[in-house]
């Protein structure tokens, strides 16, 4: 029998610094409840990478179409990284919600700020490292990035951790010191009965 969806069906906005384990927690949630949650597929102006598919990894759109969506207030949040733009469309969230799915958005701090200002009523979860040093060790331990990239990510992480300390920004802050404990805390929060 399929597990029941949570009583609170609002979209879940999950944020946290790079390397904190957000992706791992989200994957586990999807594996445990494959028919309940769905990841919000973002729009981007970048070209698909090998193995990526339109509508699965991203909606790949030309810059003019992306800017048209901004002008029409079609995004709950959008940002630019390098020369490419990324955005979460309101229509995508509404479409998945109407199918009975709980939409999960994995976004960074600027996106959280934009969603807070939007008309979307969401729940905000921040995943925090046990310490800044632990985060640095995780990023270095990946062995996938050069020093300047790691430094950039750590500088950004400092800003995100400071922002997370702002009262009322997030509904829950989960410290990912132990993956099983962090996952249980996330699951308990999502399935907490609405009072």
Protein backbone atom coordinates (compact mmCIF):
# COMPACT_ATOMS: atom_id res chain seq x y z
CA UNK A 1 0.00 0.00 0.00
CA UNK A 2 1.32 3.44 -0.92
CA UNK A 3 2.11 5.68 2.05
CA UNK A 4 -0.29 8.55 2.59
CA UNK A 5 0.86 12.02 1.56
CA UNK A 6 1.63 14.49 4.35
CA UNK A 7 -1.33 16.47 5.68
CA UNK A 8 0.54 19.71 4.83
CA UNK A 9 0.82 19.67 1.03
CA UNK A 10 2.60 23.01 0.56
CA UNK A 11 5.82 22.98 -1.51
CA UNK A 12 8.99 22.22 0.45
CA UNK A 13 11.88 24.61 -0.07
CA UNK A 14 15.10 22.87 0.99
CA UNK A 15 18.23 24.99 1.11
CA UNK A 16 21.68 24.89 2.65
CA UNK A 17 25.30 25.39 1.69
CA UNK A 18 26.99 23.34 -1.00
CA UNK A 19 28.34 20.04 0.39
CA UNK A 20 25.92 19.88 3.33
CA UNK A 21 24.08 16.79 2.04
CA UNK A 22 20.80 18.32 0.77
CA UNK A 23 20.85 16.21 -2.39
CA UNK A 24 21.38 13.00 -0.40
CA UNK A 25 18.46 13.80 1.93
CA UNK A 26 16.17 14.67 -0.99
CA UNK A 27 17.10 11.48 -2.89
CA UNK A 28 16.30 9.42 0.20
CA UNK A 29 12.93 11.13 0.60
CA UNK A 30 12.06 10.39 -3.04
CA UNK A 31 13.19 6.77 -2.70
CA UNK A 32 11.04 6.29 0.42
CA UNK A 33 7.96 7.98 -1.09
CA UNK A 34 8.27 7.72 -4.90
CA UNK A 35 4.63 8.68 -5.58
CA UNK A 36 4.35 11.51 -3.08
CA UNK A 37 7.13 13.98 -3.85
CA UNK A 38 8.41 15.52 -7.04
CA UNK A 39 11.39 17.76 -7.71
CA UNK A 40 10.51 21.05 -9.30
CA UNK A 41 12.11 21.01 -12.77
CA UNK A 42 13.74 24.41 -13.36
CA UNK A 43 13.97 26.40 -16.56
CA UNK A 44 17.46 27.26 -17.83
CA UNK A 45 19.02 29.06 -20.76
CA UNK A 46 22.03 26.73 -20.82
CA UNK A 47 22.35 23.90 -23.33
CA UNK A 48 21.62 20.34 -22.18
CA UNK A 49 24.67 18.33 -21.12
CA UNK A 50 25.14 14.80 -22.49
CA UNK A 51 22.54 12.48 -20.97
CA UNK A 52 20.22 15.30 -19.83
CA UNK A 53 16.64 15.45 -21.10
CA UNK A 54 14.23 18.36 -21.63
CA UNK A 55 11.49 18.31 -19.00
CA UNK A 56 13.42 15.82 -16.84
CA UNK A 57 16.61 17.62 -15.81
CA UNK A 58 15.57 21.12 -16.92
CA UNK A 59 13.30 22.91 -19.34
CA UNK A 60 15.87 24.27 -21.82
CA UNK A 61 14.65 27.57 -23.22
CA UNK A 62 16.14 30.42 -25.27
CA UNK A 63 17.07 33.63 -23.39
CA UNK A 64 14.18 35.56 -25.00
CA UNK A 65 11.64 33.03 -23.72
CA UNK A 66 13.22 33.10 -20.25
CA UNK A 67 13.06 36.90 -20.16
CA UNK A 68 9.45 36.74 -21.35
CA UNK A 69 8.59 34.54 -18.35
CA UNK A 70 10.29 37.03 -16.00
CA UNK A 71 8.31 39.89 -17.54
CA UNK A 72 5.07 37.90 -17.15
CA UNK A 73 5.89 37.18 -13.47
CA UNK A 74 6.08 33.49 -14.35
CA UNK A 75 8.86 32.55 -11.90
CA UNK A 76 8.75 32.18 -8.12
CA UNK A 77 12.52 32.61 -8.18
CA UNK A 78 15.23 33.04 -10.79
CA UNK A 79 18.96 33.68 -10.77
CA UNK A 80 21.93 34.03 -13.05
CA UNK A 81 25.09 31.92 -12.73
CA UNK A 82 27.80 32.89 -15.18
CA UNK A 83 26.10 33.59 -18.51
CA UNK A 84 23.19 31.20 -17.85
CA UNK A 85 19.89 31.84 -16.14
CA UNK A 86 17.87 29.45 -14.00
CA UNK A 87 14.33 29.77 -12.69
CA UNK A 88 11.48 27.93 -10.99
CA UNK A 89 8.20 28.44 -12.81
CA UNK A 90 4.93 28.99 -10.95
CA UNK A 91 3.11 26.90 -13.57
CA UNK A 92 5.40 23.89 -12.93
CA UNK A 93 4.67 24.03 -9.18
CA UNK A 94 0.91 24.44 -9.72
CA UNK A 95 0.78 21.61 -12.26
CA UNK A 96 2.55 19.12 -9.94
CA UNK A 97 0.52 20.23 -6.89
CA UNK A 98 -2.72 19.70 -8.84
CA UNK A 99 -1.56 16.13 -9.55
CA UNK A 100 -1.43 15.57 -5.79
CA UNK A 101 2.35 15.70 -5.55
CA UNK A 102 4.29 17.65 -2.94
CA UNK A 103 6.82 19.77 -4.83
CA UNK A 104 10.37 19.90 -3.47
CA UNK A 105 12.57 22.86 -4.42
CA UNK A 106 16.32 22.54 -3.88
CA UNK A 107 17.45 26.17 -4.11
CA UNK A 108 20.03 28.57 -2.77
CA UNK A 109 19.66 31.59 -0.49
CA UNK A 110 18.72 34.20 -3.12
CA UNK A 111 15.97 31.88 -4.35
CA UNK A 112 14.66 31.47 -0.79
CA UNK A 113 14.48 35.28 -0.44
CA UNK A 114 12.52 35.54 -3.72
CA UNK A 115 10.06 32.78 -2.78
CA UNK A 116 9.47 34.49 0.58
CA UNK A 117 8.35 37.58 -1.39
CA UNK A 118 6.23 35.60 -3.88
CA UNK A 119 2.62 34.46 -3.65
CA UNK A 120 3.73 30.83 -3.13
CA UNK A 121 2.93 29.52 0.34
CA UNK A 122 5.75 27.10 1.14
CA UNK A 123 7.57 25.40 4.01
CA UNK A 124 11.24 26.29 4.43
CA UNK A 125 13.86 23.78 5.56
CA UNK A 126 17.53 24.68 6.03
CA UNK A 127 20.17 21.94 6.20
CA UNK A 128 23.14 23.03 8.26
CA UNK A 129 26.56 21.39 8.72
CA UNK A 130 27.58 20.41 12.28
CA UNK A 131 30.32 23.05 12.00
CA UNK A 132 31.96 25.22 9.36
CA UNK A 133 35.10 23.06 9.61
CA UNK A 134 33.07 19.92 8.92
CA UNK A 135 31.61 21.55 5.81
CA UNK A 136 35.08 22.52 4.61
CA UNK A 137 36.30 18.93 5.14
CA UNK A 138 33.33 17.57 3.15
CA UNK A 139 33.94 19.96 0.25
CA UNK A 140 37.66 19.16 0.17
CA UNK A 141 36.97 15.44 0.61
CA UNK A 142 34.92 15.35 -2.59
CA UNK A 143 38.13 16.00 -4.53
CA UNK A 144 36.09 17.39 -7.43
CA UNK A 145 37.02 21.06 -7.27
CA UNK A 146 40.05 23.31 -7.33
CA UNK A 147 41.04 25.63 -4.48
CA UNK A 148 39.42 28.79 -5.91
CA UNK A 149 36.12 26.95 -6.40
CA UNK A 150 36.24 25.60 -2.82
CA UNK A 151 37.03 29.09 -1.48
CA UNK A 152 34.04 30.52 -3.41
CA UNK A 153 31.73 27.84 -2.06
CA UNK A 154 32.95 28.40 1.51
CA UNK A 155 32.48 32.19 1.22
CA UNK A 156 28.93 31.58 -0.03
CA UNK A 157 28.33 29.05 2.78
CA UNK A 158 29.27 31.71 5.38
CA UNK A 159 26.61 34.05 3.94
CA UNK A 160 24.01 31.27 3.83
CA UNK A 161 24.70 30.22 7.44
CA UNK A 162 24.41 33.86 8.60
CA UNK A 163 21.12 34.22 6.71
CA UNK A 164 19.81 30.97 8.25
CA UNK A 165 20.33 32.51 11.71
CA UNK A 166 17.76 35.24 10.86
CA UNK A 167 14.71 34.48 13.02
CA UNK A 168 11.65 33.33 11.10
CA UNK A 169 13.37 32.70 7.77
CA UNK A 170 13.14 28.90 7.97
CA UNK A 171 10.47 26.74 9.58
CA UNK A 172 13.08 24.20 10.66
CA UNK A 173 16.87 23.99 10.69
CA UNK A 174 18.29 20.47 10.50
CA UNK A 175 21.92 19.88 11.46
CA UNK A 176 23.27 17.13 9.21
CA UNK A 177 25.77 15.57 11.60
CA UNK A 178 24.39 12.06 11.15
CA UNK A 179 22.56 11.28 7.92
CA UNK A 180 20.02 8.88 9.44
CA UNK A 181 19.15 11.30 12.25
CA UNK A 182 18.93 14.25 9.84
CA UNK A 183 16.68 12.26 7.50
CA UNK A 184 14.40 11.21 10.38
CA UNK A 185 14.12 14.84 11.48
CA UNK A 186 13.23 15.90 7.92
CA UNK A 187 10.65 13.12 7.55
CA UNK A 188 9.09 13.87 10.98
CA UNK A 189 8.83 17.55 10.07
CA UNK A 190 7.23 16.86 6.67
CA UNK A 191 4.71 14.41 8.12
CA UNK A 192 3.95 16.44 11.26
CA UNK A 193 0.13 16.64 11.51
CA UNK A 194 -1.36 20.04 10.68
CA UNK A 195 -2.94 21.53 13.79
